[in-house]
Protein backbone atom coordinates (compact mmCIF):
# COMPACT_ATOMS: atom_id res chain seq x y z
CA MET A 1 -30.16 9.08 -46.01
CA THR A 2 -31.85 5.71 -46.39
CA THR A 3 -35.50 4.78 -46.39
CA SER A 4 -37.31 1.87 -44.85
CA VAL A 5 -37.60 -1.24 -46.99
CA HIS A 6 -40.69 -2.56 -45.28
CA ALA A 7 -43.20 0.29 -45.32
CA PRO A 8 -46.09 -0.35 -42.91
CA ALA A 9 -49.66 -0.35 -44.17
CA LEU A 10 -51.70 2.70 -43.19
CA ASP A 11 -54.90 2.66 -41.17
CA PRO A 12 -57.77 1.92 -43.62
CA ALA A 13 -59.92 4.42 -41.70
CA LEU A 14 -57.86 7.21 -43.27
CA ALA A 15 -59.21 6.49 -46.73
CA ALA A 16 -62.54 8.22 -46.13
CA ALA A 17 -61.24 11.28 -44.31
CA ALA A 18 -57.85 12.09 -45.84
CA PRO A 19 -58.78 13.34 -49.36
CA GLY A 20 -58.53 17.11 -49.27
CA GLY A 21 -56.85 17.08 -45.87
CA VAL A 22 -53.22 17.47 -44.82
CA LEU A 23 -51.15 14.56 -43.50
CA VAL A 24 -48.35 14.96 -40.96
CA ILE A 25 -45.32 12.80 -41.70
CA ASP A 26 -44.02 11.86 -38.26
CA PHE A 27 -40.28 11.75 -37.63
CA GLY A 28 -40.73 11.03 -33.93
CA ALA A 29 -41.50 14.56 -32.81
CA GLN A 30 -42.88 15.53 -29.43
CA TYR A 31 -45.37 17.77 -31.22
CA SER A 32 -46.57 15.66 -34.18
CA GLN A 33 -50.04 15.16 -32.69
CA LEU A 34 -50.20 18.85 -31.82
CA ILE A 35 -49.55 19.78 -35.46
CA ALA A 36 -52.47 17.61 -36.55
CA ARG A 37 -54.70 19.13 -33.86
CA ARG A 38 -53.85 22.69 -34.89
CA ILE A 39 -54.73 21.86 -38.48
CA ARG A 40 -58.04 20.33 -37.41
CA GLU A 41 -58.79 23.48 -35.42
CA CYS A 42 -58.64 25.26 -38.78
CA ARG A 43 -61.47 22.90 -39.89
CA VAL A 44 -59.19 20.86 -42.17
CA PHE A 45 -58.77 17.14 -41.60
CA SER A 46 -55.31 16.02 -40.51
CA ALA A 47 -53.77 12.78 -39.30
CA VAL A 48 -50.30 11.55 -38.45
CA VAL A 49 -48.61 8.87 -40.56
CA PRO A 50 -45.18 7.31 -39.90
CA HIS A 51 -42.15 8.56 -41.83
CA ASP A 52 -41.55 5.06 -43.23
CA ALA A 53 -45.05 4.76 -44.71
CA SER A 54 -45.32 3.89 -48.38
CA PRO A 55 -45.43 7.06 -50.53
CA ASP A 56 -47.76 5.19 -52.88
CA GLU A 57 -50.24 4.57 -50.05
CA VAL A 58 -49.98 8.19 -48.95
CA ALA A 59 -50.56 9.35 -52.53
CA ALA A 60 -53.61 7.06 -52.78
CA LEU A 61 -55.17 8.97 -49.86
CA ARG A 62 -55.17 12.10 -52.09
CA PRO A 63 -54.06 14.61 -49.43
CA ALA A 64 -54.00 18.30 -50.31
CA GLY A 65 -50.59 18.71 -48.65
CA LEU A 66 -47.98 17.25 -46.33
CA VAL A 67 -46.31 18.55 -43.18
CA LEU A 68 -42.93 17.11 -42.20
CA SER A 69 -42.76 17.07 -38.40
CA GLY A 70 -39.90 17.74 -36.04
CA GLY A 71 -37.83 14.88 -34.74
CA PRO A 72 -34.58 13.94 -33.00
CA ALA A 73 -31.82 16.40 -32.27
CA SER A 74 -29.89 15.85 -35.49
CA VAL A 75 -30.44 14.44 -38.97
CA TYR A 76 -26.90 13.10 -38.64
CA GLU A 77 -27.56 10.95 -35.57
CA PRO A 78 -27.11 7.20 -36.10
CA GLY A 79 -30.52 5.75 -36.89
CA ALA A 80 -32.12 9.16 -37.37
CA PRO A 81 -35.39 8.81 -39.34
CA ALA A 82 -34.90 9.53 -43.02
CA LEU A 83 -37.11 11.45 -45.41
CA ASN A 84 -38.17 9.36 -48.37
CA PRO A 85 -37.54 11.70 -51.33
CA ARG A 86 -40.67 10.38 -53.03
CA PHE A 87 -42.77 12.33 -50.51
CA LEU A 88 -41.42 15.45 -52.20
CA GLU A 89 -42.49 14.14 -55.60
CA LEU A 90 -46.22 13.66 -54.92
CA GLY A 91 -47.12 17.00 -56.47
CA VAL A 92 -48.65 18.48 -53.31
CA PRO A 93 -47.39 21.38 -51.17
CA VAL A 94 -45.00 20.43 -48.38
CA LEU A 95 -44.21 22.30 -45.15
CA GLY A 96 -41.18 21.18 -43.16
CA ILE A 97 -41.07 22.06 -39.46
CA CYS A 98 -37.74 22.05 -37.55
CA TYR A 99 -36.25 18.59 -38.20
CA GLY A 100 -38.67 18.31 -41.14
CA MET A 101 -37.17 21.40 -42.76
CA GLN A 102 -33.65 20.09 -42.19
CA ALA A 103 -34.54 16.70 -43.70
CA MET A 104 -36.10 18.45 -46.70
CA ALA A 105 -33.05 20.66 -47.21
CA LEU A 106 -30.63 17.74 -46.96
CA THR A 107 -32.69 15.58 -49.33
CA LEU A 108 -32.86 18.35 -51.95
CA GLY A 109 -29.13 19.10 -51.91
CA GLY A 110 -28.92 21.81 -49.25
CA GLU A 111 -26.59 21.83 -46.28
CA VAL A 112 -27.45 21.19 -42.64
CA ALA A 113 -24.84 22.34 -40.14
CA ARG A 114 -23.95 20.34 -37.03
CA THR A 115 -23.48 23.38 -34.85
CA GLY A 116 -23.58 21.66 -31.48
CA ALA A 117 -25.32 24.77 -30.16
CA GLY A 118 -28.86 25.91 -30.81
CA GLU A 119 -31.87 27.93 -29.81
CA PHE A 120 -34.51 26.94 -27.28
CA GLY A 121 -37.60 28.87 -26.26
CA LYS A 122 -38.71 32.37 -27.17
CA THR A 123 -36.58 33.79 -30.01
CA SER A 124 -36.61 37.07 -31.95
CA LEU A 125 -37.36 36.56 -35.65
CA THR A 126 -36.42 38.82 -38.56
CA VAL A 127 -38.49 38.44 -41.73
CA ARG A 128 -36.49 38.98 -44.91
CA SER A 129 -39.30 38.48 -47.42
CA ARG A 130 -43.02 39.23 -47.31
CA GLU A 131 -43.72 37.66 -50.69
CA GLY A 132 -44.79 34.24 -49.46
CA MET A 133 -45.74 32.61 -46.18
CA PHE A 134 -45.02 35.70 -44.06
CA HIS A 135 -47.31 37.93 -46.07
CA ALA A 136 -49.05 40.34 -43.65
CA LEU A 137 -48.11 38.22 -40.59
CA PRO A 138 -46.86 40.01 -37.45
CA ALA A 139 -43.91 37.62 -37.26
CA GLU A 140 -41.45 39.06 -34.78
CA VAL A 141 -41.13 36.35 -32.11
CA CYS A 142 -41.17 32.56 -32.49
CA TRP A 143 -40.52 29.46 -30.38
CA MET A 144 -37.40 27.44 -31.21
CA SER A 145 -36.16 24.02 -30.10
CA HIS A 146 -33.14 22.93 -32.14
CA ARG A 147 -29.39 22.48 -32.26
CA ASP A 148 -28.55 21.83 -35.91
CA GLY A 149 -29.84 24.15 -38.61
CA VAL A 150 -29.93 24.71 -42.35
CA ALA A 151 -26.70 26.46 -43.36
CA ARG A 152 -27.45 26.59 -47.10
CA PRO A 153 -30.92 26.06 -48.58
CA PRO A 154 -31.36 23.88 -51.68
CA ALA A 155 -31.19 25.43 -55.13
CA GLY A 156 -34.34 27.39 -55.92
CA PHE A 157 -35.18 28.16 -52.28
CA ALA A 158 -35.17 31.69 -50.92
CA ILE A 159 -34.41 32.54 -47.30
CA SER A 160 -37.50 34.28 -45.95
CA ALA A 161 -36.61 34.67 -42.23
CA GLU A 162 -33.64 34.49 -39.90
CA THR A 163 -32.72 34.61 -36.22
CA GLU A 164 -29.47 35.28 -34.44
CA GLY A 165 -28.72 31.57 -34.21
CA ALA A 166 -30.42 30.38 -37.41
CA PRO A 167 -29.48 32.18 -40.64
CA VAL A 168 -32.13 30.07 -42.35
CA ALA A 169 -35.07 30.27 -39.95
CA ALA A 170 -37.49 29.91 -42.88
CA MET A 171 -37.10 29.05 -46.53
CA GLU A 172 -39.48 28.64 -49.43
CA SER A 173 -39.72 27.69 -53.07
CA PRO A 174 -43.13 28.83 -54.36
CA GLU A 175 -42.48 27.25 -57.76
CA ARG A 176 -42.06 23.83 -56.17
CA ARG A 177 -44.68 24.61 -53.47
CA MET A 178 -42.21 23.66 -50.73
CA TYR A 179 -41.74 25.59 -47.50
CA GLY A 180 -39.75 25.17 -44.32
CA VAL A 181 -39.52 26.80 -40.90
CA GLN A 182 -36.98 26.08 -38.18
CA PHE A 183 -39.37 27.23 -35.44
CA HIS A 184 -42.58 25.56 -34.24
CA PRO A 185 -45.78 27.24 -35.49
CA GLU A 186 -47.95 24.62 -33.78
CA VAL A 187 -47.14 25.79 -30.22
CA VAL A 188 -48.91 28.72 -28.61
CA HIS A 189 -45.55 30.33 -27.85
CA THR A 190 -45.27 31.25 -31.54
CA PRO A 191 -47.92 34.03 -31.60
CA PHE A 192 -48.47 33.99 -35.37
CA GLY A 193 -48.17 30.20 -35.67
CA THR A 194 -51.83 29.45 -36.37
CA ASP A 195 -51.94 32.20 -38.99
CA LEU A 196 -48.91 30.70 -40.72
CA LEU A 197 -50.55 27.26 -40.73
CA LYS A 198 -53.73 28.83 -42.15
CA TRP A 199 -51.64 30.40 -44.92
CA PHE A 200 -50.21 26.98 -45.76
CA LEU A 201 -53.62 25.30 -45.63
CA PHE A 202 -55.71 27.82 -47.52
CA GLU A 203 -53.18 29.57 -49.77
CA ALA A 204 -50.55 26.95 -50.55
CA CYS A 205 -52.76 23.82 -50.37
CA ASP A 206 -56.08 25.43 -51.37
CA CYS A 207 -57.90 23.44 -48.69
CA SER A 208 -61.54 24.05 -47.81
CA PRO A 209 -62.57 24.44 -44.14
CA THR A 210 -65.06 21.56 -44.27
CA TRP A 211 -63.89 19.45 -41.31
CA THR A 212 -66.97 20.12 -39.17
CA ALA A 213 -69.17 18.02 -36.93
CA THR A 214 -71.82 17.81 -39.65
CA HIS A 215 -69.21 16.71 -42.18
CA VAL A 216 -67.88 14.03 -39.83
CA ILE A 217 -71.37 12.63 -39.21
CA GLU A 218 -72.28 12.51 -42.90
CA GLU A 219 -68.93 11.00 -43.85
CA GLN A 220 -69.08 8.29 -41.19
CA VAL A 221 -72.71 7.42 -41.92
CA GLU A 222 -71.74 6.69 -45.53
CA ARG A 223 -68.66 4.77 -44.45
CA VAL A 224 -70.68 2.59 -42.05
CA ARG A 225 -73.27 1.84 -44.73
CA ALA A 226 -70.55 0.79 -47.14
CA GLN A 227 -68.93 -1.44 -44.52
CA VAL A 228 -71.91 -3.30 -43.08
CA GLY A 229 -74.26 -3.49 -46.06
CA ASP A 230 -77.53 -5.16 -45.01
CA SER A 231 -76.13 -6.95 -41.96
CA ARG A 232 -77.24 -6.59 -38.38
CA VAL A 233 -74.96 -4.67 -36.04
CA ILE A 234 -74.44 -4.63 -32.28
CA CYS A 235 -72.86 -1.80 -30.31
CA GLY A 236 -70.93 -2.16 -27.09
CA LEU A 237 -72.52 0.61 -25.01
CA SER A 238 -70.75 1.84 -21.88
CA GLY A 239 -72.78 4.96 -21.08
CA GLY A 240 -69.92 7.29 -21.94
CA VAL A 241 -69.94 9.86 -24.72
CA ASP A 242 -67.72 7.81 -27.04
CA SER A 243 -69.92 4.74 -27.30
CA ALA A 244 -73.10 6.87 -27.30
CA VAL A 245 -71.89 9.00 -30.23
CA ALA A 246 -70.73 5.90 -32.10
CA ALA A 247 -74.13 4.29 -31.51
CA LEU A 248 -76.06 7.30 -32.83
CA ILE A 249 -73.91 7.55 -35.96
CA VAL A 250 -74.40 3.86 -36.71
CA HIS A 251 -78.12 4.13 -35.95
CA ARG A 252 -78.38 6.86 -38.57
CA ALA A 253 -76.66 4.53 -41.00
CA VAL A 254 -78.50 1.23 -40.40
CA GLY A 255 -81.66 2.10 -38.43
CA ASP A 256 -83.33 -0.77 -36.60
CA ARG A 257 -80.61 -3.21 -37.65
CA LEU A 258 -78.59 -1.89 -34.68
CA THR A 259 -78.93 -3.34 -31.18
CA CYS A 260 -76.95 -1.88 -28.30
CA VAL A 261 -75.52 -4.21 -25.68
CA PHE A 262 -74.62 -2.85 -22.26
CA VAL A 263 -72.37 -5.30 -20.44
CA ASP A 264 -72.31 -4.58 -16.71
CA HIS A 265 -68.97 -6.13 -15.78
CA GLY A 266 -69.27 -5.13 -12.14
CA LEU A 267 -66.38 -2.68 -12.51
CA LEU A 268 -68.54 0.43 -12.73
CA ARG A 269 -68.94 3.28 -10.28
CA LEU A 270 -71.73 3.40 -7.69
CA ASP A 271 -75.20 2.89 -9.26
CA GLU A 272 -73.75 3.52 -12.72
CA GLY A 273 -75.33 0.47 -14.35
CA GLU A 274 -78.83 1.60 -13.50
CA GLN A 275 -78.02 5.17 -14.59
CA VAL A 276 -76.77 4.01 -17.99
CA GLU A 277 -79.84 1.91 -18.67
CA SER A 278 -82.20 4.66 -17.56
CA ALA A 279 -80.47 7.44 -19.52
CA PHE A 280 -80.16 5.43 -22.71
CA GLY A 281 -83.75 4.27 -22.63
CA ARG A 282 -84.91 7.85 -22.10
CA HIS A 283 -82.90 9.52 -24.86
CA PHE A 284 -82.57 6.94 -27.65
CA GLY A 285 -84.99 4.86 -29.66
CA VAL A 286 -82.55 1.97 -30.01
CA PRO A 287 -83.08 -1.54 -28.57
CA LEU A 288 -80.87 -2.14 -25.51
CA VAL A 289 -79.80 -5.48 -24.08
CA HIS A 290 -78.49 -5.28 -20.49
CA VAL A 291 -76.13 -8.16 -19.71
CA GLN A 292 -75.40 -8.78 -16.03
CA ALA A 293 -71.87 -10.20 -15.97
CA GLN A 294 -70.43 -9.08 -12.65
CA GLU A 295 -69.58 -12.53 -11.31
CA HIS A 296 -68.22 -13.62 -14.69
CA PHE A 297 -65.61 -10.85 -14.78
CA LEU A 298 -64.64 -11.27 -11.13
CA ARG A 299 -63.88 -14.93 -11.79
CA ALA A 300 -61.88 -14.05 -14.90
CA LEU A 301 -59.83 -11.48 -12.98
CA ALA A 302 -59.17 -13.65 -9.93
CA GLY A 303 -55.46 -13.69 -9.20
CA VAL A 304 -54.61 -11.23 -12.01
CA THR A 305 -52.37 -8.37 -10.89
CA ASP A 306 -50.44 -7.37 -14.02
CA PRO A 307 -52.14 -4.31 -15.59
CA GLU A 308 -51.60 -5.45 -19.19
CA GLN A 309 -53.09 -8.84 -18.35
CA LYS A 310 -56.08 -7.13 -16.69
CA ARG A 311 -56.80 -5.12 -19.83
CA LYS A 312 -56.38 -8.11 -22.13
CA THR A 313 -58.57 -10.30 -19.90
CA ILE A 314 -61.35 -7.70 -19.82
CA GLY A 315 -61.07 -7.06 -23.56
CA ARG A 316 -61.27 -10.79 -24.30
CA GLU A 317 -64.29 -11.38 -22.06
CA PHE A 318 -66.11 -8.35 -23.50
CA ILE A 319 -65.69 -9.72 -27.01
CA ARG A 320 -66.83 -13.21 -26.02
CA ILE A 321 -70.01 -11.81 -24.47
CA PHE A 322 -70.68 -9.61 -27.49
CA GLU A 323 -70.18 -12.62 -29.77
CA ARG A 324 -72.73 -14.62 -27.78
CA GLU A 325 -75.20 -11.76 -27.95
CA ALA A 326 -74.58 -11.46 -31.70
CA GLU A 327 -75.53 -15.12 -32.16
CA LYS A 328 -78.89 -14.37 -30.51
CA LEU A 329 -79.51 -11.54 -32.99
CA SER A 330 -79.53 -13.53 -36.21
CA ASP A 331 -75.73 -13.72 -36.20
CA ALA A 332 -74.91 -10.03 -36.32
CA ARG A 333 -71.44 -9.83 -37.89
CA PHE A 334 -70.42 -6.32 -36.85
CA LEU A 335 -69.51 -4.80 -33.49
CA VAL A 336 -69.51 -1.01 -32.98
CA GLN A 337 -66.92 0.45 -30.63
CA GLY A 338 -66.20 4.01 -29.55
CA THR A 339 -62.47 3.71 -30.23
CA LEU A 340 -60.71 7.10 -30.35
CA TYR A 341 -57.52 8.26 -32.04
CA SER A 342 -55.80 8.56 -28.64
CA ASP A 343 -56.68 4.90 -27.86
CA VAL A 344 -54.99 3.79 -31.07
CA ILE A 345 -51.88 5.90 -30.43
CA GLU A 346 -51.39 4.75 -26.81
CA SER A 347 -51.95 1.10 -27.72
CA GLY A 348 -48.93 1.18 -30.00
CA SER A 349 -49.46 2.41 -33.53
CA ARG A 350 -46.50 2.29 -35.90
CA ASP A 351 -45.53 5.85 -35.05
CA ALA A 352 -45.82 5.56 -31.27
CA ALA A 353 -44.52 3.23 -28.58
CA LYS A 354 -47.12 1.16 -26.75
CA ILE A 355 -47.94 2.91 -23.49
CA LYS A 356 -50.74 0.54 -22.51
CA SER A 357 -53.13 -1.76 -24.33
CA HIS A 358 -56.58 -0.21 -24.38
CA HIS A 359 -59.09 -3.00 -23.88
CA ASN A 360 -60.81 -2.01 -27.14
CA VAL A 361 -57.59 -1.90 -29.21
CA GLY A 362 -54.49 -3.78 -28.08
CA GLY A 363 -56.50 -5.85 -25.60
CA LEU A 364 -58.72 -7.52 -28.21
CA PRO A 365 -58.36 -11.26 -28.88
CA GLU A 366 -56.92 -12.28 -32.24
CA ASP A 367 -59.62 -14.88 -32.98
CA MET A 368 -62.59 -12.50 -33.05
CA VAL A 369 -65.56 -13.63 -35.16
CA VAL A 370 -67.12 -10.16 -35.36
CA GLU A 371 -65.81 -7.30 -37.49
CA LEU A 372 -65.25 -3.97 -35.79
CA VAL A 373 -67.03 -0.76 -36.80
CA GLU A 374 -65.22 2.27 -35.39
CA PRO A 375 -66.71 5.56 -36.63
CA LEU A 376 -64.68 7.65 -34.13
CA ARG A 377 -61.28 6.08 -34.78
CA GLN A 378 -59.88 9.29 -36.30
CA LEU A 379 -61.27 11.67 -33.64
CA PHE A 380 -59.92 13.11 -30.40
CA LYS A 381 -62.20 13.29 -27.35
CA ASP A 382 -62.99 17.00 -27.68
CA GLU A 383 -63.99 16.45 -31.33
CA VAL A 384 -66.28 13.60 -30.26
CA ARG A 385 -68.01 15.94 -27.82
CA VAL A 386 -68.66 18.47 -30.59
CA VAL A 387 -70.14 15.69 -32.73
CA GLY A 388 -72.23 14.56 -29.76
CA GLU A 389 -73.70 18.04 -29.34
CA GLU A 390 -74.49 18.10 -33.07
CA LEU A 391 -76.31 14.77 -32.67
CA GLY A 392 -78.40 16.18 -29.82
CA LEU A 393 -76.91 14.24 -26.91
CA PRO A 394 -77.81 15.70 -23.51
CA GLU A 395 -75.12 17.82 -21.85
CA SER A 396 -74.71 15.35 -18.97
CA MET A 397 -73.60 12.67 -21.41
CA VAL A 398 -71.53 14.89 -23.70
CA TRP A 399 -69.47 16.28 -20.83
CA ARG A 400 -69.22 13.15 -18.69
CA GLN A 401 -65.62 12.72 -17.65
CA PRO A 402 -63.85 9.86 -19.45
CA PHE A 403 -64.23 6.51 -17.75
CA PRO A 404 -62.05 3.61 -18.92
CA GLY A 405 -63.62 0.52 -20.44
CA PRO A 406 -61.88 -1.75 -17.92
CA GLY A 407 -63.47 0.45 -15.26
CA LEU A 408 -62.35 0.23 -11.65
CA ALA A 409 -60.19 -2.82 -12.40
CA ILE A 410 -57.34 -0.55 -13.49
CA ARG A 411 -57.86 1.78 -10.53
CA ILE A 412 -57.24 -1.06 -8.11
CA ILE A 413 -53.49 -1.59 -8.11
CA GLY A 414 -53.32 -5.31 -7.48
CA GLU A 415 -55.90 -8.08 -7.58
CA VAL A 416 -59.51 -7.06 -8.13
CA THR A 417 -61.84 -8.34 -5.40
CA ALA A 418 -65.43 -7.61 -4.45
CA GLU A 419 -64.29 -5.97 -1.19
CA ARG A 420 -61.83 -3.63 -2.92
CA LEU A 421 -64.38 -2.72 -5.57
CA GLU A 422 -66.90 -1.71 -2.90
CA ILE A 423 -64.33 0.43 -1.05
CA LEU A 424 -63.22 2.16 -4.25
CA ARG A 425 -66.81 2.79 -5.40
CA ARG A 426 -67.73 4.51 -2.17
CA ALA A 427 -64.53 6.57 -2.07
CA ASP A 428 -64.97 7.65 -5.70
CA PHE A 429 -68.58 8.61 -5.03
CA VAL A 430 -67.46 10.99 -2.27
CA LEU A 431 -64.80 12.49 -4.53
CA GLN A 432 -67.20 13.05 -7.45
CA GLU A 433 -69.84 14.56 -5.18
CA GLU A 434 -67.40 17.08 -3.71
CA ILE A 435 -65.90 17.95 -7.10
CA ARG A 436 -69.37 18.74 -8.45
CA ARG A 437 -70.33 20.75 -5.37
CA ALA A 438 -67.18 22.84 -5.86
CA GLY A 439 -68.21 23.57 -9.47
CA LEU A 440 -65.03 21.99 -10.87
CA TYR A 441 -66.41 18.97 -12.74
CA ARG A 442 -66.37 20.62 -16.19
CA GLU A 443 -62.97 22.21 -15.55
CA LEU A 444 -61.28 18.85 -14.98
CA TRP A 445 -60.53 16.32 -17.68
CA GLN A 446 -60.76 13.52 -15.13
CA SER A 447 -61.03 13.15 -11.39
CA PHE A 448 -61.12 9.77 -9.71
CA ALA A 449 -59.96 7.63 -6.80
CA VAL A 450 -57.29 4.92 -6.92
CA LEU A 451 -56.93 2.05 -4.47
CA PRO A 452 -53.42 0.56 -4.16
CA ALA A 453 -53.66 -2.96 -2.75
CA VAL A 454 -51.42 -2.19 0.22
CA LYS A 455 -52.28 -1.39 3.81
CA SER A 456 -50.85 1.02 6.33
CA VAL A 457 -51.23 1.64 10.06
CA GLY A 458 -53.56 4.38 11.29
CA VAL A 459 -55.39 5.50 14.41
CA GLN A 460 -59.16 5.95 14.57
CA GLY A 461 -61.09 6.27 17.82
CA ASP A 462 -57.92 5.66 19.86
CA GLU A 463 -57.56 2.28 18.20
CA ARG A 464 -55.00 0.98 15.75
CA THR A 465 -56.22 0.46 12.21
CA TYR A 466 -54.59 -1.41 9.35
CA ALA A 467 -56.39 -0.34 6.20
CA TYR A 468 -56.13 0.76 2.58
CA PRO A 469 -55.06 4.18 1.29
CA ILE A 470 -57.04 6.07 -1.33
CA VAL A 471 -55.18 8.19 -3.85
CA ILE A 472 -56.93 11.19 -5.42
CA ARG A 473 -56.14 11.73 -9.10
CA ALA A 474 -57.36 14.90 -10.86
CA VAL A 475 -55.97 16.27 -14.13
CA THR A 476 -56.60 18.96 -16.72
CA SER A 477 -56.17 18.21 -20.42
CA ASP A 478 -57.50 18.91 -23.91
CA ASP A 479 -57.24 15.47 -25.46
CA ALA A 480 -55.61 13.06 -22.94
CA MET A 481 -52.39 12.96 -24.98
CA THR A 482 -50.82 15.22 -22.36
CA ALA A 483 -52.20 16.24 -18.98
CA ASP A 484 -51.31 18.35 -15.95
CA TRP A 485 -52.24 17.58 -12.36
CA ALA A 486 -55.06 19.82 -11.20
CA ARG A 487 -54.41 22.39 -8.46
CA LEU A 488 -57.43 21.59 -6.32
CA PRO A 489 -58.17 24.02 -3.45
CA TYR A 490 -56.83 22.92 -0.05
CA ASP A 491 -60.19 23.24 1.64
CA LEU A 492 -61.74 20.96 -1.00
CA LEU A 493 -58.99 18.38 -0.52
CA GLU A 494 -59.54 18.53 3.23
CA ARG A 495 -63.28 17.87 2.86
CA ILE A 496 -62.68 14.98 0.47
CA SER A 497 -60.09 13.40 2.76
CA ASN A 498 -62.22 13.75 5.90
CA ARG A 499 -65.32 12.34 4.25
CA ILE A 500 -63.55 9.35 2.69
CA ILE A 501 -61.84 8.37 5.95
CA ASN A 502 -65.01 8.89 8.01
CA GLU A 503 -67.53 7.39 5.57
CA VAL A 504 -65.70 4.55 3.83
CA PRO A 505 -64.87 1.53 6.01
CA GLY A 506 -61.49 0.02 5.20
CA VAL A 507 -59.71 3.33 4.45
CA ASN A 508 -57.45 5.18 6.87
CA ARG A 509 -55.28 7.35 4.62
CA VAL A 510 -55.83 9.69 1.62
CA ALA A 511 -53.03 10.84 -0.71
CA LEU A 512 -52.87 13.17 -3.72
CA ASP A 513 -51.18 12.29 -7.04
CA LEU A 514 -49.13 15.27 -8.29
CA THR A 515 -47.85 13.66 -11.51
CA SER A 516 -48.39 15.14 -14.96
CA LYS A 517 -48.51 13.21 -18.25
CA PRO A 518 -45.75 12.67 -19.22
CA PRO A 519 -43.98 11.25 -17.28
CA GLY A 520 -47.00 9.45 -15.81
CA THR A 521 -50.19 8.34 -17.53
CA ILE A 522 -53.61 9.59 -16.44
CA GLU A 523 -54.81 6.18 -15.28
CA TRP A 524 -52.47 4.30 -12.99
CA GLU A 525 -52.72 1.10 -15.04
């Protein structure tokens, strides 16, 4: 097995959070992010780093342990990601999961069999030893997803569990503090999975359950102070929970040296600009500058239909406006953004393909003159909400459904025009009103309307119409990394459809999006 010659640099934001946490070495697994989330649910910090990261950089982060993720079907596949043996020499406990266990076994001199068969789904598990990771765990059933398997563990490893198809379903070497499981403890289908991860975290790694909202706030306040020094700071406020939480953390760090800038790009929902200004002025003691830039963004987006170009155009114009506002504030050198971990992943980190450029990550111009401050960069959305509650944000802001920075521009499939924006605003208002009346707002991750820039024939009042369709999109999710389409009641869908067609001029058809993520994304663009 070979290792990458050019190891990518790790995200500097990890430096403050990683010490004492557990890092997930990603071999391209479907569940790498889920492993990190399960560890965080145990109140231990975790983040995903690529398998070809520099072991020296990983060691410098001072993690308490490493988890080797799953990966492709076989360690023998051409181009299969390799385990750098130096990861096993960092002196910290290591847990290999599925492909990660196979890579560990192969690297340490064990044997991995190319069986061509495998186990998938619910599988009976027989524990052979209760001396280590299976101590007192009711481990009888697990969830498998593999073809190859470890046929012979490395020297010094004991087989601690087996299944009918995997004679080495778990192995461990307490002396070397190395452990491996062929099954997936991070999925809910492995009933004892969380308990096994807790054993690794608190027994093998001796972690402390300190990853709490209070800890995150204190840690990020210190990090912001170290980054900005005595400089003035501006914050791009959108009215959503992400930018509001980021603003409050930075305000704790720098006080009155923070000014929030709310750029109304004209791509907001109905009356949202006024609501943001009113709510922020009522709940926060931070200066707010409201920039009216509706016409500016419409001109910039004229003729733009490609979704990536839309995001990049909006990201560029946001930054230019913030830079101009910074010049008015004694040349503030820092810009606060509510960037989340999921934004970074989807915009194309080293360990993930680029799905779409988020306007605040991949959509930023390269020639920025302000330095970014991103106190939420290592957090998922649900973690941000917990931090927001700890900071005292009102419930209406904490639980506001996510709204993209590019706003309605990426919910209009085609060119953005004033007419299409008005149609989409009114249709979305009807949808949101009915969702709230049905008591489903908190149950849904997101619910919104989409306007494809096509027209179809309809009949209204015995007359032919040629108008736009509206597509209803509603999903459930925990963190936006995966999502399922929401099973809205038929009577609710009927009310929404009737109201949109009757109340919104320019619409004669309503459709429902039944696509989960993957294969689709939550937003259409």
